[in-house]
Amino acid sequence: MAKVQAPWPQGTECVARYNFKGTSEQDLPFNKGDVLTIIVVTKDPNWYKAKNAAGQEGTIPANYVQKREGVKGCKLSLMPWFHGKISREQAEQLLHPPETGLFLVRESTNFPGDYTLCVSCDGKVEHYRIIYKKGKLTIDEEGFFENLMQLVEHYTKEDDGLCTKLIKPKVEEGAVAAQDEFSRSGWSLTRKDLALQSVIGKGEFGDVMMGDYRGTKVAVKCIKNDATAQAFIAEASVMTQLRHDNLVQLLGVIVEKDGSLFIVTEFMAKGCLVDYLRSRGRTVIDGDSLLHFALNVCEAMAYLEASNFVHRDLAARNVLVSDDNIAKVSDFGLAKEASSVQDTAKLPIKWTAPEAIREKNFSTKSDVWSYGILLWEIYSFGRVPYPRIPLKDVVPRVEKGYKMDCPDGCPEVVYNVMKQCWNIDPTARPTFRQLKEWLQHITGETGKK
């Protein structure tokens, strides 16, 4: 049995590469694809003590499992052969020296909105125009495809009228095939093990469904469109790098050859926090519960702050509640490493800090502003912020120093925390670490009463 190079620390997640039946009572049997967590290294470095998703413990052979790693530092692409806006001449240069079956796809220069499939064949490059017809893509108006990935997949199996079938993609410089990278880092799940059940949410991108993955209840974002799926690949890669009890946990990713993407996360039975607050109200949720939710979210944000991540879309709608009333931050679609945050994405005005709206300047401090708004949402039981103020007037009024009133029944000490978050000067706002300490202190004080 091969020697393990270095022991993995306690808490490391790993994925089974093979089935293991176990040879003694101390062993923990598992199947290929199971996720296991290392508890401790045994005296023999070839074996670990680990636990499975059900909490069962036992020893496992180290060379049967693969360490799960965060996916970062690479340009993930569902379509690594797609080169965007390049000219016919540039495409021909990229496909040189000629190799029959070498191909790429580019945006059409002569027909904006269409694409061109460029294929090297017998020493020269052929250019095939891909057109939209009745909402689908086609080259010959005989075969029709939902997206570029389906089209390319079809022509890798047969030439079907092309000079040659597609054999080898010319990968865009710096691009890495998303499926390969998720597999390499241990985050790729098997489609046949996932049973989709009922729709629990709808978005512009597709459906969120309840599902079952190997006996575990899961939530699944189902994205069918390849362009939209490409954007969600970035969200999934962020989630592979983050692990905290108050962040919704990614379980894995499935990338289909036809461009479908499934992002599988833990299932949060009580839905989003804003709906939870609105539907239960003051008669069901007491002050301790509100403080508990506030602290849950703050714990998650302190972790993101320490990990140098900016969420950029913190709001009660993006916090989910588990069956045992734990609040967890979700929706990392806009999350970025702090060093790379400058964006003009469509912003939720009422939750976004003034400097982020005006100068696209996002930071942990702009997340702190949003957290203040989220606190107001919690203590107003899910009301929309800035009630009775037209959207266009929100930013000008805020910049003149306007702050929302204290929600009915909210303790003054918590309202003071909100106001600290809404300091116009970002540098004067508290850190999440400070906010966590303040809330823990408030929790301690209320516990004494």
Protein backbone atom coordinates (compact mmCIF):
# COMPACT_ATOMS: atom_id res chain seq x y z
CA MET A 1 0.00 0.00 0.00
CA ALA A 2 1.38 3.44 -0.99
CA LYS A 3 2.70 5.69 1.77
CA VAL A 4 0.70 8.83 2.51
CA GLN A 5 2.86 11.91 1.95
CA ALA A 6 1.50 14.04 4.78
CA PRO A 7 -1.34 13.51 7.26
CA TRP A 8 -4.48 15.54 6.64
CA PRO A 9 -5.64 17.60 9.60
CA GLN A 10 -8.76 16.84 11.62
CA GLY A 11 -11.91 18.06 9.84
CA THR A 12 -10.51 17.54 6.32
CA GLU A 13 -13.18 16.45 3.87
CA CYS A 14 -12.35 13.72 1.40
CA VAL A 15 -14.18 11.83 -1.34
CA ALA A 16 -14.07 8.08 -1.88
CA ARG A 17 -12.35 7.09 -5.14
CA TYR A 18 -13.30 3.41 -4.82
CA ASN A 19 -15.71 1.17 -2.92
CA PHE A 20 -14.42 -0.15 0.43
CA LYS A 21 -16.21 -3.02 2.15
CA GLY A 22 -14.02 -3.11 5.26
CA THR A 23 -12.08 -6.06 6.60
CA SER A 24 -12.66 -5.66 10.36
CA GLU A 25 -15.25 -4.29 12.80
CA GLN A 26 -13.15 -1.14 13.23
CA ASP A 27 -13.38 -0.26 9.52
CA LEU A 28 -15.91 2.17 8.03
CA PRO A 29 -17.29 0.77 4.75
CA PHE A 30 -18.06 3.29 1.98
CA ASN A 31 -18.93 3.55 -1.70
CA LYS A 32 -17.19 5.48 -4.44
CA GLY A 33 -18.30 9.11 -4.30
CA ASP A 34 -19.15 9.14 -0.58
CA VAL A 35 -17.94 12.21 1.34
CA LEU A 36 -16.04 11.44 4.54
CA THR A 37 -14.56 13.68 7.24
CA ILE A 38 -11.19 12.92 8.84
CA ILE A 39 -11.37 12.66 12.65
CA VAL A 40 -7.78 11.68 13.41
CA VAL A 41 -4.69 10.10 11.83
CA THR A 42 -4.03 6.61 13.22
CA LYS A 43 -0.59 5.36 14.25
CA ASP A 44 -0.33 3.86 10.77
CA PRO A 45 -0.22 6.84 8.32
CA ASN A 46 -1.90 4.69 5.67
CA TRP A 47 -5.15 4.72 7.67
CA TYR A 48 -7.41 7.46 8.99
CA LYS A 49 -10.22 7.46 11.48
CA ALA A 50 -13.16 9.12 9.72
CA LYS A 51 -16.90 9.62 9.85
CA ASN A 52 -19.51 9.52 7.09
CA ALA A 53 -22.48 11.81 6.41
CA ALA A 54 -24.64 9.76 8.81
CA GLY A 55 -22.12 10.26 11.64
CA GLN A 56 -20.86 6.64 11.68
CA GLU A 57 -17.16 6.35 12.51
CA GLY A 58 -14.37 3.91 11.67
CA THR A 59 -10.98 3.53 10.00
CA ILE A 60 -10.52 4.05 6.26
CA PRO A 61 -7.58 3.39 3.90
CA ALA A 62 -5.90 6.67 2.95
CA ASN A 63 -5.21 5.66 -0.65
CA TYR A 64 -8.92 4.99 -1.29
CA VAL A 65 -9.90 8.62 -0.76
CA GLN A 66 -9.14 11.96 -2.35
CA LYS A 67 -8.83 15.20 -0.40
CA ARG A 68 -11.44 17.83 -1.29
CA GLU A 69 -9.82 21.11 -2.28
CA GLY A 70 -11.16 24.59 -2.96
CA VAL A 71 -11.39 25.43 -6.65
CA LYS A 72 -9.52 28.70 -7.14
CA GLY A 73 -6.85 30.44 -9.15
CA CYS A 74 -8.13 29.27 -12.53
CA LYS A 75 -10.56 30.45 -15.18
CA LEU A 76 -13.27 27.80 -15.10
CA SER A 77 -15.20 27.34 -18.30
CA LEU A 78 -18.06 25.14 -19.42
CA MET A 79 -16.93 25.89 -22.97
CA PRO A 80 -13.10 26.09 -22.94
CA TRP A 81 -13.14 25.93 -26.76
CA PHE A 82 -15.16 29.19 -26.96
CA HIS A 83 -12.90 32.14 -27.80
CA GLY A 84 -15.42 34.99 -27.95
CA LYS A 85 -14.77 37.93 -30.28
CA ILE A 86 -11.81 36.93 -32.39
CA SER A 87 -11.41 37.41 -36.17
CA ARG A 88 -11.31 34.75 -38.87
CA GLU A 89 -7.55 35.34 -39.22
CA GLN A 90 -6.94 35.00 -35.47
CA ALA A 91 -8.92 31.73 -35.42
CA GLU A 92 -6.77 30.35 -38.25
CA GLN A 93 -3.60 31.31 -36.39
CA LEU A 94 -4.85 29.54 -33.25
CA LEU A 95 -5.58 26.37 -35.27
CA HIS A 96 -2.04 26.32 -36.67
CA PRO A 97 -0.17 24.01 -37.11
CA PRO A 98 -3.08 22.20 -38.79
CA GLU A 99 -4.36 19.05 -37.11
CA THR A 100 -7.48 17.40 -38.51
CA GLY A 101 -10.32 17.68 -36.01
CA LEU A 102 -8.81 20.56 -34.00
CA PHE A 103 -11.60 23.11 -33.47
CA LEU A 104 -12.83 26.24 -31.72
CA VAL A 105 -15.99 28.36 -31.67
CA ARG A 106 -15.97 32.16 -31.97
CA GLU A 107 -18.52 34.94 -32.23
CA SER A 108 -19.32 35.72 -35.87
CA THR A 109 -17.69 38.94 -37.07
CA ASN A 110 -19.88 39.32 -40.17
CA PHE A 111 -23.17 38.34 -38.51
CA PRO A 112 -23.36 39.76 -34.95
CA GLY A 113 -25.31 37.44 -32.63
CA ASP A 114 -24.36 34.33 -34.59
CA TYR A 115 -21.36 32.06 -34.01
CA THR A 116 -18.73 30.40 -36.18
CA LEU A 117 -17.36 26.87 -35.78
CA CYS A 118 -13.76 26.78 -37.04
CA VAL A 119 -12.34 23.33 -37.82
CA SER A 120 -8.91 22.30 -39.04
CA CYS A 121 -9.16 19.65 -41.77
CA ASP A 122 -6.55 18.32 -44.25
CA GLY A 123 -4.22 21.28 -43.76
CA LYS A 124 -6.75 24.12 -43.95
CA VAL A 125 -9.40 25.70 -41.73
CA GLU A 126 -13.11 25.53 -42.54
CA HIS A 127 -15.51 28.11 -41.04
CA TYR A 128 -19.12 27.07 -40.45
CA ARG A 129 -21.68 29.70 -39.56
CA ILE A 130 -23.93 28.77 -36.64
CA ILE A 131 -27.26 30.60 -36.87
CA TYR A 132 -30.25 31.05 -34.58
CA LYS A 133 -33.46 29.71 -36.06
CA LYS A 134 -36.67 29.67 -33.99
CA GLY A 135 -34.66 30.03 -30.79
CA LYS A 136 -32.29 27.13 -31.53
CA LEU A 137 -28.81 26.84 -33.03
CA THR A 138 -28.09 25.13 -36.33
CA ILE A 139 -25.39 24.85 -39.00
CA ASP A 140 -27.35 23.09 -41.76
CA GLU A 141 -30.97 23.77 -40.74
CA GLU A 142 -31.42 20.02 -40.26
CA GLY A 143 -29.90 19.46 -36.81
CA PHE A 144 -31.10 21.92 -34.14
CA PHE A 145 -29.54 22.43 -30.70
CA GLU A 146 -30.49 24.23 -27.48
CA ASN A 147 -26.99 25.64 -26.98
CA LEU A 148 -23.38 25.54 -28.16
CA MET A 149 -22.44 22.68 -25.83
CA GLN A 150 -25.12 20.42 -27.31
CA LEU A 151 -24.01 21.34 -30.82
CA VAL A 152 -20.34 20.63 -30.13
CA GLU A 153 -21.21 17.38 -28.34
CA HIS A 154 -23.18 16.21 -31.41
CA TYR A 155 -20.35 16.90 -33.87
CA THR A 156 -17.75 15.17 -31.68
CA LYS A 157 -19.72 11.95 -32.24
CA GLU A 158 -20.17 12.27 -36.02
CA ASP A 159 -19.20 14.69 -38.79
CA ASP A 160 -22.84 14.88 -40.01
CA GLY A 161 -21.93 16.97 -43.07
CA LEU A 162 -18.83 18.72 -41.70
CA CYS A 163 -15.41 18.10 -43.27
CA THR A 164 -14.50 16.04 -40.16
CA LYS A 165 -15.94 15.29 -36.76
CA LEU A 166 -14.64 17.45 -33.92
CA ILE A 167 -11.74 15.65 -32.26
CA LYS A 168 -9.68 18.06 -30.17
CA PRO A 169 -10.75 21.42 -28.70
CA LYS A 170 -8.41 24.38 -29.01
CA VAL A 171 -8.72 25.64 -25.43
CA GLU A 172 -8.78 29.38 -24.83
CA GLU A 173 -5.61 30.54 -23.10
CA GLY A 174 -5.98 30.29 -19.33
CA ALA A 175 -9.32 28.44 -19.49
CA VAL A 176 -9.82 25.18 -17.59
CA ALA A 177 -12.69 22.79 -18.31
CA ALA A 178 -15.05 23.15 -15.34
CA GLN A 179 -15.99 19.47 -15.26
CA ASP A 180 -12.31 18.42 -15.13
CA GLU A 181 -11.51 20.87 -12.35
CA PHE A 182 -14.49 19.91 -10.17
CA SER A 183 -13.52 16.23 -10.61
CA ARG A 184 -9.86 16.89 -9.82
CA SER A 185 -10.71 18.77 -6.63
CA GLY A 186 -13.29 16.22 -5.44
CA TRP A 187 -16.53 18.18 -5.97
CA SER A 188 -18.02 16.34 -8.94
CA LEU A 189 -21.17 14.32 -8.16
CA THR A 190 -22.78 11.55 -10.24
CA ARG A 191 -26.04 12.44 -12.01
CA LYS A 192 -27.51 8.94 -11.65
CA ASP A 193 -27.25 9.24 -7.85
CA LEU A 194 -29.39 12.40 -7.81
CA ALA A 195 -33.19 12.09 -7.81
CA LEU A 196 -34.97 15.41 -8.41
CA GLN A 197 -38.31 15.78 -6.61
CA SER A 198 -40.42 18.93 -6.18
CA VAL A 199 -39.76 22.55 -7.18
CA ILE A 200 -39.11 24.68 -4.07
CA GLY A 201 -38.13 27.92 -5.81
CA LYS A 202 -38.02 29.58 -9.21
CA GLY A 203 -35.49 32.10 -10.46
CA GLU A 204 -34.55 33.80 -13.72
CA PHE A 205 -31.83 31.18 -14.18
CA GLY A 206 -33.96 28.06 -13.62
CA ASP A 207 -35.54 26.10 -10.79
CA VAL A 208 -34.41 25.24 -7.28
CA MET A 209 -35.59 21.72 -6.53
CA MET A 210 -35.70 19.46 -3.54
CA GLY A 211 -33.84 16.26 -4.29
CA ASP A 212 -32.32 13.14 -2.86
CA TYR A 213 -28.61 12.37 -3.22
CA ARG A 214 -27.76 8.90 -1.97
CA GLY A 215 -30.40 9.05 0.74
CA THR A 216 -29.67 12.63 1.83
CA LYS A 217 -32.25 15.38 1.28
CA VAL A 218 -30.65 18.16 -0.78
CA ALA A 219 -31.48 21.42 -2.57
CA VAL A 220 -30.50 21.61 -6.24
CA LYS A 221 -30.11 24.66 -8.47
CA CYS A 222 -30.89 23.42 -11.99
CA ILE A 223 -29.47 25.66 -14.71
CA LYS A 224 -30.22 24.62 -18.29
CA ASN A 225 -28.84 27.52 -20.32
CA ASP A 226 -25.10 27.31 -20.98
CA ALA A 227 -24.48 31.08 -20.77
CA THR A 228 -26.28 31.30 -17.39
CA ALA A 229 -24.61 28.11 -16.22
CA GLN A 230 -21.23 29.69 -16.94
CA ALA A 231 -22.04 32.48 -14.45
CA PHE A 232 -23.09 29.94 -11.79
CA ILE A 233 -19.82 28.02 -12.21
CA ALA A 234 -18.18 31.01 -10.51
CA GLU A 235 -20.63 30.76 -7.58
CA ALA A 236 -19.94 27.05 -7.19
CA SER A 237 -16.17 27.58 -7.23
CA VAL A 238 -16.49 30.20 -4.45
CA MET A 239 -18.54 27.75 -2.39
CA THR A 240 -15.83 25.06 -2.64
CA GLN A 241 -13.47 27.39 -0.78
CA LEU A 242 -15.76 28.15 2.15
CA ARG A 243 -16.88 26.00 5.09
CA HIS A 244 -18.70 27.30 8.15
CA ASP A 245 -21.72 26.17 10.19
CA ASN A 246 -23.57 29.36 9.24
CA LEU A 247 -22.92 29.18 5.50
CA VAL A 248 -25.13 26.99 3.31
CA GLN A 249 -22.81 24.10 2.44
CA LEU A 250 -22.09 23.01 -1.11
CA LEU A 251 -22.26 19.22 -1.47
CA GLY A 252 -21.11 19.04 -5.06
CA VAL A 253 -21.58 19.94 -8.71
CA ILE A 254 -22.83 18.04 -11.75
CA VAL A 255 -21.88 19.32 -15.21
CA GLU A 256 -23.70 17.64 -18.10
CA LYS A 257 -22.28 17.55 -21.62
CA ASP A 258 -25.38 19.31 -22.94
CA GLY A 259 -24.69 22.42 -20.85
CA SER A 260 -26.96 21.61 -17.91
CA LEU A 261 -25.52 22.43 -14.50
CA PHE A 262 -26.70 21.16 -11.11
CA ILE A 263 -25.40 22.83 -7.95
CA VAL A 264 -26.23 20.58 -4.99
CA THR A 265 -26.35 22.10 -1.49
CA GLU A 266 -27.63 21.14 1.93
CA PHE A 267 -31.42 21.37 2.24
CA MET A 268 -32.76 24.18 4.43
CA ALA A 269 -36.24 23.10 5.48
CA LYS A 270 -37.67 26.45 6.62
CA GLY A 271 -36.77 28.46 3.54
CA CYS A 272 -35.49 32.02 3.36
CA LEU A 273 -35.31 34.18 6.47
CA VAL A 274 -37.46 37.04 5.12
CA ASP A 275 -40.37 34.67 4.38
CA TYR A 276 -39.87 32.90 7.70
CA LEU A 277 -40.12 36.20 9.61
CA ARG A 278 -43.14 37.42 7.66
CA SER A 279 -45.10 34.17 7.94
CA ARG A 280 -44.54 33.57 11.67
CA GLY A 281 -44.45 37.12 13.03
CA ARG A 282 -44.25 38.40 16.59
CA THR A 283 -46.64 35.84 18.06
CA VAL A 284 -44.29 32.96 17.20
CA ILE A 285 -40.79 34.49 17.14
CA ASP A 286 -39.46 36.05 20.36
CA GLY A 287 -36.60 38.49 20.90
CA ASP A 288 -34.11 35.74 21.73
CA SER A 289 -34.81 34.08 18.37
CA LEU A 290 -34.27 37.37 16.50
CA LEU A 291 -30.94 37.88 18.29
CA HIS A 292 -30.01 34.26 17.54
CA PHE A 293 -30.59 34.81 13.79
CA ALA A 294 -28.62 38.08 13.89
CA LEU A 295 -25.68 36.35 15.56
CA ASN A 296 -25.81 33.35 13.17
CA VAL A 297 -25.45 35.66 10.18
CA CYS A 298 -22.75 37.71 11.89
CA GLU A 299 -20.72 34.53 12.62
CA ALA A 300 -20.84 33.63 8.92
CA MET A 301 -19.84 37.14 7.85
CA ALA A 302 -16.96 37.26 10.35
CA TYR A 303 -15.71 34.04 8.76
CA LEU A 304 -16.00 35.54 5.24
CA GLU A 305 -14.20 38.67 6.47
CA ALA A 306 -11.36 36.56 7.89
CA SER A 307 -11.25 34.57 4.63
CA ASN A 308 -10.98 37.80 2.61
CA PHE A 309 -14.30 37.32 0.81
CA VAL A 310 -16.90 39.98 0.11
CA HIS A 311 -20.51 38.74 -0.27
CA ARG A 312 -21.99 41.87 -1.96
CA ASP A 313 -25.62 40.70 -1.76
CA LEU A 314 -26.30 40.26 1.94
CA ALA A 315 -30.04 40.47 2.67
CA ALA A 316 -32.66 38.44 4.56
CA ARG A 317 -33.79 36.90 1.24
CA ASN A 318 -30.30 35.38 0.91
CA VAL A 319 -30.29 33.82 4.38
CA LEU A 320 -31.89 30.38 4.79
CA VAL A 321 -33.27 28.72 7.92
CA SER A 322 -32.66 25.07 8.78
CA ASP A 323 -35.09 22.64 10.39
CA ASP A 324 -33.48 23.34 13.78
CA ASN A 325 -33.72 27.15 13.34
CA ILE A 326 -30.11 27.85 12.38
CA ALA A 327 -29.73 30.78 9.97
CA LYS A 328 -27.19 30.30 7.19
CA VAL A 329 -25.95 32.73 4.55
CA SER A 330 -26.44 31.59 0.96
CA ASP A 331 -26.31 32.90 -2.62
CA PHE A 332 -22.68 33.44 -3.41
CA GLY A 333 -23.44 34.51 -6.98
CA LEU A 334 -21.89 37.91 -6.41
CA ALA A 335 -19.23 36.87 -3.86
CA LYS A 336 -15.66 37.66 -4.79
CA GLU A 337 -12.25 37.60 -3.22
CA ALA A 338 -11.74 41.07 -1.77
CA SER A 339 -8.85 41.82 -4.15
CA SER A 340 -11.03 41.45 -7.26
CA VAL A 341 -14.14 43.38 -6.30
CA GLN A 342 -15.11 46.09 -8.76
CA ASP A 343 -18.30 45.33 -10.58
CA THR A 344 -21.29 46.93 -12.24
CA ALA A 345 -23.76 44.11 -11.69
CA LYS A 346 -27.36 45.08 -11.08
CA LEU A 347 -27.40 46.21 -7.46
CA PRO A 348 -30.11 45.90 -4.80
CA ILE A 349 -30.19 49.64 -4.02
CA LYS A 350 -31.83 49.48 -0.57
CA TRP A 351 -29.23 47.00 0.75
CA THR A 352 -26.11 48.41 -0.91
CA ALA A 353 -23.67 50.85 0.72
CA PRO A 354 -23.52 54.36 -0.86
CA GLU A 355 -19.86 54.00 -1.93
CA ALA A 356 -20.66 50.66 -3.62
CA ILE A 357 -23.49 52.26 -5.60
CA ARG A 358 -21.61 55.44 -6.54
CA GLU A 359 -18.09 54.12 -7.11
CA LYS A 360 -18.64 50.33 -7.41
CA ASN A 361 -16.33 50.13 -4.41
CA PHE A 362 -17.19 46.88 -2.60
CA SER A 363 -15.45 45.74 0.55
CA THR A 364 -16.12 44.01 3.83
CA LYS A 365 -17.24 47.45 5.03
CA SER A 366 -19.96 47.59 2.34
CA ASP A 367 -21.07 44.14 3.56
CA VAL A 368 -21.27 45.65 7.08
CA TRP A 369 -23.66 48.32 5.74
CA SER A 370 -25.83 45.57 4.22
CA TYR A 371 -25.71 43.69 7.51
CA GLY A 372 -27.18 46.75 9.26
CA ILE A 373 -30.07 46.67 6.76
CA LEU A 374 -30.49 42.93 7.36
CA LEU A 375 -30.66 43.57 11.13
CA TRP A 376 -33.44 46.09 10.47
CA GLU A 377 -35.25 43.44 8.36
CA ILE A 378 -34.95 40.91 11.19
CA TYR A 379 -36.33 43.26 13.85
CA SER A 380 -39.13 44.55 11.61
CA PHE A 381 -40.16 40.93 10.85
CA GLY A 382 -39.33 41.07 7.17
CA ARG A 383 -40.53 44.54 6.16
CA VAL A 384 -38.97 46.05 3.03
CA PRO A 385 -36.32 48.64 4.05
CA TYR A 386 -36.95 52.38 3.65
CA PRO A 387 -40.74 52.09 3.74
CA ARG A 388 -42.65 54.90 1.97
CA ILE A 389 -39.46 56.28 0.38
CA PRO A 390 -39.36 56.04 -3.46
CA LEU A 391 -36.40 53.98 -4.69
CA LYS A 392 -34.87 56.91 -6.59
CA ASP A 393 -34.79 58.99 -3.38
CA VAL A 394 -33.10 56.39 -1.16
CA VAL A 395 -29.45 57.07 -2.07
CA PRO A 396 -29.67 60.91 -2.02
CA ARG A 397 -31.39 60.83 1.38
CA VAL A 398 -28.92 58.31 2.82
CA GLU A 399 -25.98 60.41 1.62
CA LYS A 400 -27.46 63.39 3.50
CA GLY A 401 -27.34 61.31 6.69
CA TYR A 402 -30.83 59.77 6.79
CA LYS A 403 -31.13 56.59 8.86
CA MET A 404 -34.22 54.41 9.21
CA ASP A 405 -36.14 54.60 12.48
CA CYS A 406 -35.84 51.89 15.10
CA PRO A 407 -38.28 49.04 14.33
CA ASP A 408 -41.16 48.60 16.81
CA GLY A 409 -40.07 46.56 19.81
CA CYS A 410 -36.37 46.51 18.81
CA PRO A 411 -34.05 47.02 21.81
CA GLU A 412 -32.19 50.36 21.73
CA VAL A 413 -28.87 48.54 22.07
CA VAL A 414 -29.53 46.58 18.83
CA TYR A 415 -30.71 49.73 17.01
CA ASN A 416 -27.41 51.38 18.00
CA VAL A 417 -25.57 48.50 16.31
CA MET A 418 -27.57 49.13 13.10
CA LYS A 419 -26.66 52.84 13.17
CA GLN A 420 -22.96 52.00 13.57
CA CYS A 421 -23.23 49.88 10.40
CA TRP A 422 -24.78 52.82 8.53
CA ASN A 423 -21.88 55.21 8.98
CA ILE A 424 -21.37 57.09 5.69
CA ASP A 425 -17.59 56.76 6.17
CA PRO A 426 -16.77 53.07 5.49
CA THR A 427 -13.63 53.21 7.65
CA ALA A 428 -15.73 54.26 10.66
CA ARG A 429 -17.97 51.18 10.43
CA PRO A 430 -17.22 48.26 12.77
CA THR A 431 -15.71 45.00 11.55
CA PHE A 432 -17.78 41.82 11.65
CA ARG A 433 -15.48 40.60 14.37
CA GLN A 434 -16.47 43.64 16.49
CA LEU A 435 -20.14 43.19 15.61
CA LYS A 436 -19.95 39.56 16.72
CA GLU A 437 -18.48 40.58 20.09
CA TRP A 438 -21.19 43.23 20.58
CA LEU A 439 -23.99 40.79 19.77
CA GLN A 440 -22.49 38.11 22.01
CA HIS A 441 -22.40 40.67 24.81
CA ILE A 442 -26.06 41.64 24.18
CA THR A 443 -26.97 37.92 24.15
CA GLY A 444 -25.20 37.49 27.49
CA GLU A 445 -26.99 40.49 29.00
CA THR A 446 -30.45 39.33 27.88
CA GLY A 447 -29.67 35.84 29.18
CA LYS A 448 -29.15 37.27 32.70
CA LYS A 449 -32.59 38.84 32.88
